[in-house]
Every structure is written in C-alpha cells, then in structure tokens.
C-alpha cells in the first residue's frame, strides 16, 4: 500500500471537557527514555486516541495497547472516540494541552486532520499513526505509520474468490458490507478487492453498503440485501463482526452461510474462526490488532529523537476452513 504509506494517521478520542476527556493509566514501575514533559516523575507519557469499541478487533487492539504501555513503563492517557471524529480531535487537543510526549491515534475517517495535526507539530509533540491512514499530503505531520496494508487485505480476499471460481463461467453475484464510510480500511479493502476481480466479467458486485464495522448493522444491511436480491452467491464483509451479523440474517432467511452464500471476511477474531470451523465462513483475511509492543517501541524511539521507518507493517495471513480448527486454540483475540 505504497500510496497509503505516505498518509497521516493519528489518535482516537472521547468527548468531554479538557479536564475529563482522557483517562490516565499509570505506568508500570520504572521509566523509559528521557524526562517526560507530561509527567511529574520523568516517565514517558503517551496520549492514545482510540476509534471506539465497535468490534472484537478493536477491543483486542485496545487491550494490546494498554498492556504494552504497562510493560514498557509508559504512562498512558487513553481516550475512546465512540466512532466520532469530533471526539478524537478534542482528545488530541487535550493531549497537546497536557504536554504529553507522544500522540498516537487511529482515525475514524481519513479526511479532516491537518489542522489539529499542525497544532501537535507546533507544540513539538510527535505523532504516530496506528492502524488507519489519513489523506493529508503533508507527511511532516507524523513520524511513522504502524498498521496493516488494507489494500493488500482486499486483494487477498479477491484472490481467494478468483481461485474458488476458477474454471467456471457462470455469473457470480457479490454483495459487499463496507466498513465505516470514509475510513481507510473501508476505502482500501474495497479498492483492493475491486482491483483483483474487475478483470473477470463473471464477478459482479450487485450491492455495496456500509455496515459500520458492527455486528448489528451488518445483520441489518444483509437483511436488506436478501430482500432486494434473491441470487446472491458471495458476501464480502470488510470485517468479521459485520460478517457474523450477516450470517444471522442469512440463516434467518432460510439459507446456509458458507454454502448457499459463500462468506469472505477480514480481521481474524476468534468468533470468526469458530464460524469457519462450523463451515459458515469460507475464508478470513487476517488483520492483526496486537500492535501494542511495536507501538511502545516506536514511542520510545520518536520521543528520544531517533529515526524510525516511515511505514511499519504487521505480520498477517489468510485462513480457510481447513485451517480453522487447528488455528482456533492459538487465537489471542
């Protein structure tokens, strides 16, 4: 995702006043790096603005960040944006006023971050983008981007589909459950998938709508798809929670997920592996949420003024039904 690597990514936030917007979590015993501007005891202080708690993936991501900060001896100021950009912007401004050492965030959407990121830059606070990208062209507003290649994830989903229907010429009707409108994973997973399947005319996306990365919305939108289209062959969901909600809708409509309608999903949460084992999901493209340790390593380096790569990727895989049972016991989220 080279064209995404030069975008800015930042923090998630909880609405509220300057004094109550963020929760401070004390560091583990010990200090790291140089004296922290935002702490009284010299420990590094990280302001982390999370998207929210919209999915099992996000919950695992938050847990990873919290635990890694404690292990690294970094004081964490945490904010939950509840999937609202205005909350994240408030949180970032609070972090700036609190003079934290580093800000990290995963933006709800890609656009609209330049102003607040310039405020962080002017305050001399480095920003690390985690998980999601922003569309700013000013790459000086962040130090590095830690996260997945969402375009590649979409491409992997498309490659599985091509292989699954290799040698057939009958039309394949696809419905797509997109992530939050305007978010990097929604934009990129859609683009990567479309790039791969567009070369074969038998594949047709007959409906595509946001399910907002939630199980409830995934079910609701899939119910609408099933009412509008009686010839759906494949569901491509941008995350597991939407796929699991859609599976409920498929079953309630009297159809068999994984057989009557093949299901492709992205993330790799434990519930999705259970569904794969039960033959309800056909393939899951992994998106690893356990970024905490890598993030804390980057926090220490940027706070110390060390150079870091502009793009840090996480290791991920693709899992099918025949791998699900063996992989399930090792899933950490």
C-alpha atoms as a PDB file:
ATOM      1  CA  UNK A   1       0.000   0.000   0.000  1.00  0.00           C
ATOM      2  CA  UNK A   2       2.755   2.401  -1.015  1.00  0.00           C
ATOM      3  CA  UNK A   3       0.388   5.229  -1.845  1.00  0.00           C
ATOM      4  CA  UNK A   4      -1.177   4.935   1.627  1.00  0.00           C
ATOM      5  CA  UNK A   5       2.152   4.758   3.426  1.00  0.00           C
ATOM      6  CA  UNK A   6       2.685   8.476   2.995  1.00  0.00           C
ATOM      7  CA  UNK A   7      -0.547   9.440   4.658  1.00  0.00           C
ATOM      8  CA  UNK A   8      -1.007  10.685   8.172  1.00  0.00           C
ATOM      9  CA  UNK A   9      -2.556   8.600  10.949  1.00  0.00           C
ATOM     10  CA  UNK A  10      -3.340   9.703  14.461  1.00  0.00           C
ATOM     11  CA  UNK A  11      -5.364   9.196  17.678  1.00  0.00           C
ATOM     12  CA  UNK A  12      -8.965   8.406  18.798  1.00  0.00           C
ATOM     13  CA  UNK A  13     -10.803  10.380  21.449  1.00  0.00           C
ATOM     14  CA  UNK A  14     -13.554  10.681  23.991  1.00  0.00           C
ATOM     15  CA  UNK A  15     -15.836  13.717  24.024  1.00  0.00           C
ATOM     16  CA  UNK A  16     -15.748  15.854  27.115  1.00  0.00           C
ATOM     17  CA  UNK A  17     -14.100  18.832  28.710  1.00  0.00           C
ATOM     18  CA  UNK A  18     -10.385  19.459  28.738  1.00  0.00           C
ATOM     19  CA  UNK A  19     -10.197  18.097  32.268  1.00  0.00           C
ATOM     20  CA  UNK A  20     -12.247  14.936  31.715  1.00  0.00           C
ATOM     21  CA  UNK A  21     -11.663  13.919  28.092  1.00  0.00           C
ATOM     22  CA  UNK A  22      -8.968  11.368  28.812  1.00  0.00           C
ATOM     23  CA  UNK A  23      -8.252   8.617  31.255  1.00  0.00           C
ATOM     24  CA  UNK A  24      -4.726   8.457  32.631  1.00  0.00           C
ATOM     25  CA  UNK A  25      -3.360   4.994  33.228  1.00  0.00           C
ATOM     26  CA  UNK A  26      -0.233   4.852  35.420  1.00  0.00           C
ATOM     27  CA  UNK A  27       2.853   3.253  34.005  1.00  0.00           C
ATOM     28  CA  UNK A  28       4.428   0.122  35.360  1.00  0.00           C
ATOM     29  CA  UNK A  29       7.355   0.575  37.734  1.00  0.00           C
ATOM     30  CA  UNK A  30      10.357   2.175  36.054  1.00  0.00           C
ATOM     31  CA  UNK A  31      10.991   4.886  33.498  1.00  0.00           C
ATOM     32  CA  UNK A  32      11.867   4.923  29.833  1.00  0.00           C
ATOM     33  CA  UNK A  33      13.532   7.398  27.530  1.00  0.00           C
ATOM     34  CA  UNK A  34      14.198  10.958  28.562  1.00  0.00           C
ATOM     35  CA  UNK A  35      12.262  13.119  31.031  1.00  0.00           C
ATOM     36  CA  UNK A  36       8.579  13.230  30.150  1.00  0.00           C
ATOM     37  CA  UNK A  37       7.094  16.661  29.565  1.00  0.00           C
ATOM     38  CA  UNK A  38       3.652  15.402  30.551  1.00  0.00           C
ATOM     39  CA  UNK A  39       4.624  13.593  33.754  1.00  0.00           C
ATOM     40  CA  UNK A  40       5.906  14.688  37.139  1.00  0.00           C
ATOM     41  CA  UNK A  41       8.244  11.724  37.607  1.00  0.00           C
ATOM     42  CA  UNK A  42      10.070  11.751  34.283  1.00  0.00           C
ATOM     43  CA  UNK A  43       8.282   8.783  32.693  1.00  0.00           C
ATOM     44  CA  UNK A  44       7.204   8.986  29.082  1.00  0.00           C
ATOM     45  CA  UNK A  45       3.568   9.942  28.551  1.00  0.00           C
ATOM     46  CA  UNK A  46       1.613   8.662  25.554  1.00  0.00           C
ATOM     47  CA  UNK A  47      -1.724  10.136  24.550  1.00  0.00           C
ATOM     48  CA  UNK A  48      -3.661   7.476  22.653  1.00  0.00           C
ATOM     49  CA  UNK A  49      -6.959   8.282  20.948  1.00  0.00           C
ATOM     50  CA  UNK A  50      -8.839   5.121  20.021  1.00  0.00           C
ATOM     51  CA  UNK A  51     -11.617   4.851  17.423  1.00  0.00           C
ATOM     52  CA  UNK A  52     -14.032   3.205  19.833  1.00  0.00           C
ATOM     53  CA  UNK A  53     -15.135  -0.303  20.758  1.00  0.00           C
ATOM     54  CA  UNK A  54     -17.103  -1.163  17.638  1.00  0.00           C
ATOM     55  CA  UNK A  55     -15.783  -4.690  17.183  1.00  0.00           C
ATOM     56  CA  UNK A  56     -13.921  -7.593  18.718  1.00  0.00           C
ATOM     57  CA  UNK A  57     -10.873  -6.499  16.732  1.00  0.00           C
ATOM     58  CA  UNK A  58     -10.921  -3.033  18.280  1.00  0.00           C
ATOM     59  CA  UNK A  59     -11.333  -4.423  21.791  1.00  0.00           C
ATOM     60  CA  UNK A  60      -8.269  -6.615  21.266  1.00  0.00           C
ATOM     61  CA  UNK A  61      -6.336  -3.658  19.864  1.00  0.00           C
ATOM     62  CA  UNK A  62      -7.140  -1.526  22.921  1.00  0.00           C
ATOM     63  CA  UNK A  63      -6.158  -4.325  25.290  1.00  0.00           C
ATOM     64  CA  UNK A  64      -2.839  -4.759  23.476  1.00  0.00           C
ATOM     65  CA  UNK A  65      -2.028  -1.037  23.777  1.00  0.00           C
ATOM     66  CA  UNK A  66      -2.962  -0.867  27.458  1.00  0.00           C
ATOM     67  CA  UNK A  67      -0.925  -3.944  28.407  1.00  0.00           C
ATOM     68  CA  UNK A  68       2.092  -2.947  26.330  1.00  0.00           C
ATOM     69  CA  UNK A  69       2.202   0.533  27.893  1.00  0.00           C
ATOM     70  CA  UNK A  70       2.285  -1.010  31.358  1.00  0.00           C
ATOM     71  CA  UNK A  71       5.075  -3.412  30.411  1.00  0.00           C
ATOM     72  CA  UNK A  72       7.099  -0.606  28.827  1.00  0.00           C
ATOM     73  CA  UNK A  73       6.774   1.757  31.809  1.00  0.00           C
ATOM     74  CA  UNK A  74       4.934   4.344  29.726  1.00  0.00           C
ATOM     75  CA  UNK A  75       2.116   6.393  31.250  1.00  0.00           C
ATOM     76  CA  UNK A  76      -0.952   6.069  29.019  1.00  0.00           C
ATOM     77  CA  UNK A  77      -3.595   8.741  28.617  1.00  0.00           C
ATOM     78  CA  UNK A  78      -6.381   6.908  26.807  1.00  0.00           C
ATOM     79  CA  UNK A  79      -9.466   8.263  25.045  1.00  0.00           C
ATOM     80  CA  UNK A  80     -12.360   6.438  23.328  1.00  0.00           C
ATOM     81  CA  UNK A  81     -13.856   8.438  20.457  1.00  0.00           C
ATOM     82  CA  UNK A  82     -17.007   6.336  20.174  1.00  0.00           C
ATOM     83  CA  UNK A  83     -16.508   6.405  16.396  1.00  0.00           C
ATOM     84  CA  UNK A  84     -16.845  10.190  16.180  1.00  0.00           C
ATOM     85  CA  UNK A  85     -14.135  12.329  14.584  1.00  0.00           C
ATOM     86  CA  UNK A  86     -15.009  15.382  16.672  1.00  0.00           C
ATOM     87  CA  UNK A  87     -14.283  13.378  19.818  1.00  0.00           C
ATOM     88  CA  UNK A  88     -10.874  12.369  18.516  1.00  0.00           C
ATOM     89  CA  UNK A  89      -9.975  15.936  17.645  1.00  0.00           C
ATOM     90  CA  UNK A  90     -10.978  17.076  21.161  1.00  0.00           C
ATOM     91  CA  UNK A  91      -8.839  14.332  22.663  1.00  0.00           C
ATOM     92  CA  UNK A  92      -5.778  15.242  20.592  1.00  0.00           C
ATOM     93  CA  UNK A  93      -6.127  18.875  21.638  1.00  0.00           C
ATOM     94  CA  UNK A  94      -6.385  17.780  25.264  1.00  0.00           C
ATOM     95  CA  UNK A  95      -3.211  15.717  24.868  1.00  0.00           C
ATOM     96  CA  UNK A  96      -1.468  18.784  23.436  1.00  0.00           C
ATOM     97  CA  UNK A  97      -2.587  20.923  26.402  1.00  0.00           C
ATOM     98  CA  UNK A  98      -1.394  18.216  28.786  1.00  0.00           C
ATOM     99  CA  UNK A  99       2.008  18.293  27.049  1.00  0.00           C
ATOM    100  CA  UNK A 100       2.263  14.543  26.517  1.00  0.00           C
ATOM    101  CA  UNK A 101       5.476  13.261  24.954  1.00  0.00           C
ATOM    102  CA  UNK A 102       3.907  11.396  22.031  1.00  0.00           C
ATOM    103  CA  UNK A 103       0.428  11.203  20.490  1.00  0.00           C
ATOM    104  CA  UNK A 104      -0.851   8.110  18.692  1.00  0.00           C
ATOM    105  CA  UNK A 105      -4.264   7.569  17.173  1.00  0.00           C
ATOM    106  CA  UNK A 106      -6.314   5.505  14.753  1.00  0.00           C
ATOM    107  CA  UNK A 107      -8.604   7.943  12.900  1.00  0.00           C
ATOM    108  CA  UNK A 108     -12.295   7.276  12.443  1.00  0.00           C
ATOM    109  CA  UNK A 109     -12.124   8.660   8.888  1.00  0.00           C
ATOM    110  CA  UNK A 110      -9.307   9.684   6.542  1.00  0.00           C
ATOM    111  CA  UNK A 111     -10.083  13.372   5.959  1.00  0.00           C
ATOM    112  CA  UNK A 112     -10.053  16.486   8.105  1.00  0.00           C
ATOM    113  CA  UNK A 113      -6.952  16.097  10.297  1.00  0.00           C
ATOM    114  CA  UNK A 114      -4.469  18.705   9.053  1.00  0.00           C
ATOM    115  CA  UNK A 115      -5.445  21.497  11.447  1.00  0.00           C
ATOM    116  CA  UNK A 116      -5.144  19.514  14.680  1.00  0.00           C
ATOM    117  CA  UNK A 117      -2.010  17.704  13.499  1.00  0.00           C
ATOM    118  CA  UNK A 118      -0.377  21.051  12.747  1.00  0.00           C
ATOM    119  CA  UNK A 119      -1.224  22.074  16.306  1.00  0.00           C
ATOM    120  CA  UNK A 120       0.605  18.995  17.587  1.00  0.00           C
ATOM    121  CA  UNK A 121       3.575  19.737  15.323  1.00  0.00           C
ATOM    122  CA  UNK A 122       3.749  23.354  16.508  1.00  0.00           C
ATOM    123  CA  UNK A 123       3.726  22.093  20.098  1.00  0.00           C
ATOM    124  CA  UNK A 124       6.698  19.847  19.321  1.00  0.00           C
ATOM    125  CA  UNK A 125       4.771  16.630  20.000  1.00  0.00           C
ATOM    126  CA  UNK A 126       5.473  13.785  17.552  1.00  0.00           C
ATOM    127  CA  UNK A 127       2.511  11.836  16.191  1.00  0.00           C
ATOM    128  CA  UNK A 128       2.386   8.128  15.381  1.00  0.00           C
ATOM    129  CA  UNK A 129      -0.388   6.863  13.143  1.00  0.00           C
ATOM    130  CA  UNK A 130      -1.743   3.458  14.121  1.00  0.00           C
ATOM    131  CA  UNK A 131      -3.964   1.074  12.185  1.00  0.00           C
ATOM    132  CA  UNK A 132      -5.616   3.620   9.857  1.00  0.00           C
ATOM    133  CA  UNK A 133      -4.451   6.297   7.437  1.00  0.00           C
ATOM    134  CA  UNK A 134      -5.441   9.885   6.755  1.00  0.00           C
ATOM    135  CA  UNK A 135      -5.370  11.636   3.397  1.00  0.00           C
ATOM    136  CA  UNK A 136      -3.161  14.597   4.303  1.00  0.00           C
ATOM    137  CA  UNK A 137      -0.441  15.357   1.784  1.00  0.00           C
ATOM    138  CA  UNK A 138       1.796  16.942   4.440  1.00  0.00           C
ATOM    139  CA  UNK A 139       3.892  13.994   5.589  1.00  0.00           C
ATOM    140  CA  UNK A 140       5.776  16.152   8.089  1.00  0.00           C
ATOM    141  CA  UNK A 141       2.757  15.961  10.393  1.00  0.00           C
ATOM    142  CA  UNK A 142       3.591  12.445  11.552  1.00  0.00           C
ATOM    143  CA  UNK A 143       6.700  10.402  12.255  1.00  0.00           C
ATOM    144  CA  UNK A 144       5.570   6.921  11.256  1.00  0.00           C
ATOM    145  CA  UNK A 145       2.562   4.760  10.421  1.00  0.00           C
ATOM    146  CA  UNK A 146       2.157   1.433  12.204  1.00  0.00           C
ATOM    147  CA  UNK A 147      -0.525  -0.797  10.763  1.00  0.00           C
ATOM    148  CA  UNK A 148      -1.833  -3.175   8.172  1.00  0.00           C
ATOM    149  CA  UNK A 149      -1.920  -2.887   4.401  1.00  0.00           C
ATOM    150  CA  UNK A 150      -5.666  -2.663   3.856  1.00  0.00           C
ATOM    151  CA  UNK A 151      -5.380  -2.658   0.065  1.00  0.00           C
ATOM    152  CA  UNK A 152      -3.444  -5.909   0.263  1.00  0.00           C
ATOM    153  CA  UNK A 153      -6.145  -7.378   2.512  1.00  0.00           C
ATOM    154  CA  UNK A 154      -8.777  -6.572  -0.099  1.00  0.00           C
ATOM    155  CA  UNK A 155      -6.574  -8.065  -2.783  1.00  0.00           C
ATOM    156  CA  UNK A 156      -6.165 -11.282  -0.785  1.00  0.00           C
ATOM    157  CA  UNK A 157      -9.942 -11.539  -0.471  1.00  0.00           C
ATOM    158  CA  UNK A 158     -10.266 -11.099  -4.225  1.00  0.00           C
ATOM    159  CA  UNK A 159      -7.561 -13.665  -4.960  1.00  0.00           C
ATOM    160  CA  UNK A 160      -9.357 -16.284  -2.898  1.00  0.00           C
ATOM    161  CA  UNK A 161     -12.560 -15.600  -4.827  1.00  0.00           C
ATOM    162  CA  UNK A 162     -10.809 -15.951  -8.192  1.00  0.00           C
ATOM    163  CA  UNK A 163      -9.347 -19.280  -7.144  1.00  0.00           C
ATOM    164  CA  UNK A 164     -12.659 -20.515  -5.709  1.00  0.00           C
ATOM    165  CA  UNK A 165     -14.457 -19.934  -9.020  1.00  0.00           C
ATOM    166  CA  UNK A 166     -11.570 -20.822 -11.298  1.00  0.00           C
ATOM    167  CA  UNK A 167     -12.699 -22.664 -14.426  1.00  0.00           C
ATOM    168  CA  UNK A 168     -16.339 -21.588 -14.187  1.00  0.00           C
ATOM    169  CA  UNK A 169     -18.100 -19.092 -16.432  1.00  0.00           C
ATOM    170  CA  UNK A 170     -21.455 -18.699 -14.675  1.00  0.00           C
ATOM    171  CA  UNK A 171     -22.196 -15.246 -13.206  1.00  0.00           C
ATOM    172  CA  UNK A 172     -21.131 -14.690  -9.586  1.00  0.00           C
ATOM    173  CA  UNK A 173     -23.217 -12.088  -7.764  1.00  0.00           C
ATOM    174  CA  UNK A 174     -21.453 -10.422  -4.832  1.00  0.00           C
ATOM    175  CA  UNK A 175     -22.797  -8.226  -2.045  1.00  0.00           C
ATOM    176  CA  UNK A 176     -20.338  -6.115  -0.073  1.00  0.00           C
ATOM    177  CA  UNK A 177     -20.580  -4.948   3.526  1.00  0.00           C
ATOM    178  CA  UNK A 178     -18.306  -1.920   3.714  1.00  0.00           C
ATOM    179  CA  UNK A 179     -16.717  -0.534   6.861  1.00  0.00           C
ATOM    180  CA  UNK A 180     -17.328   2.960   8.226  1.00  0.00           C
ATOM    181  CA  UNK A 181     -17.807   5.385   5.346  1.00  0.00           C
ATOM    182  CA  UNK A 182     -14.655   7.397   4.685  1.00  0.00           C
ATOM    183  CA  UNK A 183     -12.381   5.230   6.835  1.00  0.00           C
ATOM    184  CA  UNK A 184      -9.098   3.926   5.462  1.00  0.00           C
ATOM    185  CA  UNK A 185      -9.906   0.212   5.865  1.00  0.00           C
ATOM    186  CA  UNK A 186     -13.274   0.644   4.143  1.00  0.00           C
ATOM    187  CA  UNK A 187     -11.781   2.604   1.255  1.00  0.00           C
ATOM    188  CA  UNK A 188      -8.765   0.352   0.805  1.00  0.00           C
ATOM    189  CA  UNK A 189     -10.398  -3.046   1.305  1.00  0.00           C
ATOM    190  CA  UNK A 190     -12.996  -2.077  -1.272  1.00  0.00           C
ATOM    191  CA  UNK A 191     -10.363  -0.829  -3.713  1.00  0.00           C
ATOM    192  CA  UNK A 192      -8.064  -3.846  -3.315  1.00  0.00           C
ATOM    193  CA  UNK A 193     -10.891  -6.318  -3.826  1.00  0.00           C
ATOM    194  CA  UNK A 194     -12.260  -4.460  -6.863  1.00  0.00           C
ATOM    195  CA  UNK A 195      -8.795  -4.283  -8.415  1.00  0.00           C
ATOM    196  CA  UNK A 196      -8.467  -8.070  -8.393  1.00  0.00           C
ATOM    197  CA  UNK A 197     -11.954  -9.116  -9.526  1.00  0.00           C
ATOM    198  CA  UNK A 198     -12.578  -6.454 -12.163  1.00  0.00           C
ATOM    199  CA  UNK A 199     -10.643  -8.394 -14.807  1.00  0.00           C
ATOM    200  CA  UNK A 200     -13.164 -11.254 -14.838  1.00  0.00           C
ATOM    201  CA  UNK A 201     -16.616 -10.241 -16.136  1.00  0.00           C
ATOM    202  CA  UNK A 202     -18.430 -13.074 -14.340  1.00  0.00           C
ATOM    203  CA  UNK A 203     -17.910 -11.296 -10.999  1.00  0.00           C
ATOM    204  CA  UNK A 204     -20.484  -8.591 -10.334  1.00  0.00           C
ATOM    205  CA  UNK A 205     -20.946  -6.568  -7.139  1.00  0.00           C
ATOM    206  CA  UNK A 206     -24.750  -6.207  -7.127  1.00  0.00           C
ATOM    207  CA  UNK A 207     -24.951  -4.259  -3.849  1.00  0.00           C
ATOM    208  CA  UNK A 208     -22.459  -2.451  -1.618  1.00  0.00           C
ATOM    209  CA  UNK A 209     -23.319  -0.594   1.579  1.00  0.00           C
ATOM    210  CA  UNK A 210     -21.727   0.344   4.875  1.00  0.00           C
ATOM    211  CA  UNK A 211     -22.346  -1.829   7.909  1.00  0.00           C
ATOM    212  CA  UNK A 212     -20.241   0.497  10.083  1.00  0.00           C
ATOM    213  CA  UNK A 213     -17.989  -2.377  11.226  1.00  0.00           C
ATOM    214  CA  UNK A 214     -20.661  -3.547  13.721  1.00  0.00           C
ATOM    215  CA  UNK A 215     -22.451  -6.886  14.071  1.00  0.00           C
ATOM    216  CA  UNK A 216     -25.906  -5.320  14.440  1.00  0.00           C
ATOM    217  CA  UNK A 217     -25.537  -3.115  11.371  1.00  0.00           C
ATOM    218  CA  UNK A 218     -24.065  -5.995   9.370  1.00  0.00           C
ATOM    219  CA  UNK A 219     -27.172  -8.048  10.079  1.00  0.00           C
ATOM    220  CA  UNK A 220     -29.497  -5.164   9.248  1.00  0.00           C
ATOM    221  CA  UNK A 221     -27.853  -4.407   5.900  1.00  0.00           C
ATOM    222  CA  UNK A 222     -27.643  -8.084   4.944  1.00  0.00           C
ATOM    223  CA  UNK A 223     -31.364  -8.446   5.621  1.00  0.00           C
ATOM    224  CA  UNK A 224     -31.958  -5.619   3.146  1.00  0.00           C
ATOM    225  CA  UNK A 225     -29.634  -7.246   0.588  1.00  0.00           C
ATOM    226  CA  UNK A 226     -31.518 -10.541   0.855  1.00  0.00           C
ATOM    227  CA  UNK A 227     -34.859  -8.823   0.323  1.00  0.00           C
ATOM    228  CA  UNK A 228     -33.590  -6.980  -2.751  1.00  0.00           C
ATOM    229  CA  UNK A 229     -31.575  -9.810  -4.341  1.00  0.00           C
ATOM    230  CA  UNK A 230     -32.581 -13.463  -4.490  1.00  0.00           C
ATOM    231  CA  UNK A 231     -29.493 -14.546  -6.405  1.00  0.00           C
ATOM    232  CA  UNK A 232     -26.603 -13.678  -4.034  1.00  0.00           C
ATOM    233  CA  UNK A 233     -23.630 -16.021  -4.406  1.00  0.00           C
ATOM    234  CA  UNK A 234     -20.972 -14.314  -2.266  1.00  0.00           C
ATOM    235  CA  UNK A 235     -20.791 -11.955   0.690  1.00  0.00           C
ATOM    236  CA  UNK A 236     -17.607  -9.895   1.074  1.00  0.00           C
ATOM    237  CA  UNK A 237     -17.515  -8.251   4.515  1.00  0.00           C
ATOM    238  CA  UNK A 238     -14.870  -5.698   5.458  1.00  0.00           C
ATOM    239  CA  UNK A 239     -14.701  -7.130   8.977  1.00  0.00           C
ATOM    240  CA  UNK A 240     -15.703 -10.205  10.968  1.00  0.00           C
ATOM    241  CA  UNK A 241     -18.326  -8.558  13.141  1.00  0.00           C
ATOM    242  CA  UNK A 242     -20.346  -7.482  10.108  1.00  0.00           C
ATOM    243  CA  UNK A 243     -19.896 -10.949   8.610  1.00  0.00           C
ATOM    244  CA  UNK A 244     -21.164 -12.607  11.798  1.00  0.00           C
ATOM    245  CA  UNK A 245     -24.209 -10.339  11.869  1.00  0.00           C
ATOM    246  CA  UNK A 246     -24.846 -11.098   8.196  1.00  0.00           C
ATOM    247  CA  UNK A 247     -24.634 -14.833   8.882  1.00  0.00           C
ATOM    248  CA  UNK A 248     -27.538 -14.461  11.311  1.00  0.00           C
ATOM    249  CA  UNK A 249     -29.564 -12.743   8.598  1.00  0.00           C
ATOM    250  CA  UNK A 250     -28.696 -15.441   6.051  1.00  0.00           C
ATOM    251  CA  UNK A 251     -29.767 -18.218   8.413  1.00  0.00           C
ATOM    252  CA  UNK A 252     -32.986 -16.427   9.323  1.00  0.00           C
ATOM    253  CA  UNK A 253     -33.751 -16.192   5.610  1.00  0.00           C
ATOM    254  CA  UNK A 254     -33.534 -19.975   5.372  1.00  0.00           C
ATOM    255  CA  UNK A 255     -30.212 -20.076   3.563  1.00  0.00           C
ATOM    256  CA  UNK A 256     -26.963 -21.777   4.528  1.00  0.00           C
ATOM    257  CA  UNK A 257     -23.983 -19.421   5.011  1.00  0.00           C
ATOM    258  CA  UNK A 258     -20.762 -20.788   3.595  1.00  0.00           C
ATOM    259  CA  UNK A 259     -22.671 -22.975   1.122  1.00  0.00           C
ATOM    260  CA  UNK A 260     -25.661 -21.152  -0.410  1.00  0.00           C
ATOM    261  CA  UNK A 261     -23.811 -17.867   0.060  1.00  0.00           C
ATOM    262  CA  UNK A 262     -20.032 -18.014   0.378  1.00  0.00           C
ATOM    263  CA  UNK A 263     -18.671 -15.652   3.014  1.00  0.00           C
ATOM    264  CA  UNK A 264     -15.364 -13.764   2.801  1.00  0.00           C
ATOM    265  CA  UNK A 265     -14.328 -11.702   5.815  1.00  0.00           C
ATOM    266  CA  UNK A 266     -11.421  -9.651   7.155  1.00  0.00           C
ATOM    267  CA  UNK A 267      -9.887  -9.444  10.658  1.00  0.00           C
ATOM    268  CA  UNK A 268      -9.434 -12.884  12.225  1.00  0.00           C
ATOM    269  CA  UNK A 269     -11.220 -12.661  15.574  1.00  0.00           C
ATOM    270  CA  UNK A 270     -11.865 -15.888  17.486  1.00  0.00           C
ATOM    271  CA  UNK A 271     -15.610 -15.846  16.752  1.00  0.00           C
ATOM    272  CA  UNK A 272     -14.846 -15.818  13.024  1.00  0.00           C
ATOM    273  CA  UNK A 273     -12.610 -18.873  13.396  1.00  0.00           C
ATOM    274  CA  UNK A 274     -15.445 -20.658  15.204  1.00  0.00           C
ATOM    275  CA  UNK A 275     -17.735 -19.766  12.294  1.00  0.00           C
ATOM    276  CA  UNK A 276     -15.115 -21.086   9.841  1.00  0.00           C
ATOM    277  CA  UNK A 277     -14.826 -24.317  11.795  1.00  0.00           C
ATOM    278  CA  UNK A 278     -18.614 -24.612  11.545  1.00  0.00           C
ATOM    279  CA  UNK A 279     -18.390 -24.017   7.759  1.00  0.00           C
ATOM    280  CA  UNK A 280     -20.289 -20.700   7.936  1.00  0.00           C
ATOM    281  CA  UNK A 281     -17.368 -18.519   6.816  1.00  0.00           C
ATOM    282  CA  UNK A 282     -15.239 -19.689   3.908  1.00  0.00           C
ATOM    283  CA  UNK A 283     -12.131 -17.555   4.337  1.00  0.00           C
ATOM    284  CA  UNK A 284     -10.770 -14.894   6.693  1.00  0.00           C
ATOM    285  CA  UNK A 285      -8.042 -12.446   5.717  1.00  0.00           C
ATOM    286  CA  UNK A 286      -6.163 -11.607   8.895  1.00  0.00           C
ATOM    287  CA  UNK A 287      -5.731  -8.061  10.180  1.00  0.00           C
ATOM    288  CA  UNK A 288      -3.601  -8.244  13.305  1.00  0.00           C
ATOM    289  CA  UNK A 289      -4.737  -5.917  16.145  1.00  0.00           C
ATOM    290  CA  UNK A 290      -1.919  -6.789  18.547  1.00  0.00           C
ATOM    291  CA  UNK A 291       0.161  -3.700  17.836  1.00  0.00           C
ATOM    292  CA  UNK A 292       0.922  -2.651  21.411  1.00  0.00           C
ATOM    293  CA  UNK A 293       4.518  -3.816  21.750  1.00  0.00           C
ATOM    294  CA  UNK A 294       5.518  -2.398  18.356  1.00  0.00           C
ATOM    295  CA  UNK A 295       3.796   0.878  19.215  1.00  0.00           C
ATOM    296  CA  UNK A 296       5.627   1.285  22.536  1.00  0.00           C
ATOM    297  CA  UNK A 297       8.957   0.592  20.846  1.00  0.00           C
ATOM    298  CA  UNK A 298       8.196   3.363  18.349  1.00  0.00           C
ATOM    299  CA  UNK A 299       7.040   5.716  21.122  1.00  0.00           C
ATOM    300  CA  UNK A 300      10.374   5.361  22.919  1.00  0.00           C
ATOM    301  CA  UNK A 301      12.340   5.949  19.719  1.00  0.00           C
ATOM    302  CA  UNK A 302      10.468   9.020  18.491  1.00  0.00           C
ATOM    303  CA  UNK A 303      10.481  10.548  21.996  1.00  0.00           C
ATOM    304  CA  UNK A 304      14.261  10.132  22.019  1.00  0.00           C
ATOM    305  CA  UNK A 305      14.555  11.744  18.596  1.00  0.00           C
ATOM    306  CA  UNK A 306      15.699   8.550  16.893  1.00  0.00           C
ATOM    307  CA  UNK A 307      14.918   7.849  13.259  1.00  0.00           C
ATOM    308  CA  UNK A 308      12.193   5.285  12.568  1.00  0.00           C
ATOM    309  CA  UNK A 309      10.823   3.794   9.324  1.00  0.00           C
ATOM    310  CA  UNK A 310       8.042   5.789   7.719  1.00  0.00           C
ATOM    311  CA  UNK A 311       5.975   2.610   7.453  1.00  0.00           C
ATOM    312  CA  UNK A 312       5.901  -0.325   9.871  1.00  0.00           C
ATOM    313  CA  UNK A 313       3.764  -3.288   8.830  1.00  0.00           C
ATOM    314  CA  UNK A 314       2.413  -6.149  10.924  1.00  0.00           C
ATOM    315  CA  UNK A 315       2.575  -9.849  10.051  1.00  0.00           C
ATOM    316  CA  UNK A 316      -0.704 -11.317   8.803  1.00  0.00           C
ATOM    317  CA  UNK A 317      -2.071 -14.358   6.982  1.00  0.00           C
ATOM    318  CA  UNK A 318      -5.075 -15.826   5.153  1.00  0.00           C
ATOM    319  CA  UNK A 319      -7.066 -18.653   6.748  1.00  0.00           C
ATOM    320  CA  UNK A 320      -9.557 -21.075   5.185  1.00  0.00           C
ATOM    321  CA  UNK A 321     -11.996 -23.603   6.633  1.00  0.00           C
ATOM    322  CA  UNK A 322      -9.490 -26.456   6.550  1.00  0.00           C
ATOM    323  CA  UNK A 323      -7.120 -24.416   8.760  1.00  0.00           C
ATOM    324  CA  UNK A 324      -9.687 -23.046  11.211  1.00  0.00           C
ATOM    325  CA  UNK A 325      -9.862 -25.875  13.757  1.00  0.00           C
ATOM    326  CA  UNK A 326      -6.083 -26.104  14.137  1.00  0.00           C
ATOM    327  CA  UNK A 327      -5.622 -22.321  14.342  1.00  0.00           C
ATOM    328  CA  UNK A 328      -8.523 -21.629  16.724  1.00  0.00           C
ATOM    329  CA  UNK A 329      -6.798 -22.550  20.021  1.00  0.00           C
ATOM    330  CA  UNK A 330      -3.989 -20.108  19.272  1.00  0.00           C
ATOM    331  CA  UNK A 331      -6.162 -17.080  18.525  1.00  0.00           C
ATOM    332  CA  UNK A 332      -5.436 -14.353  21.081  1.00  0.00           C
ATOM    333  CA  UNK A 333      -8.431 -12.199  20.233  1.00  0.00           C
END
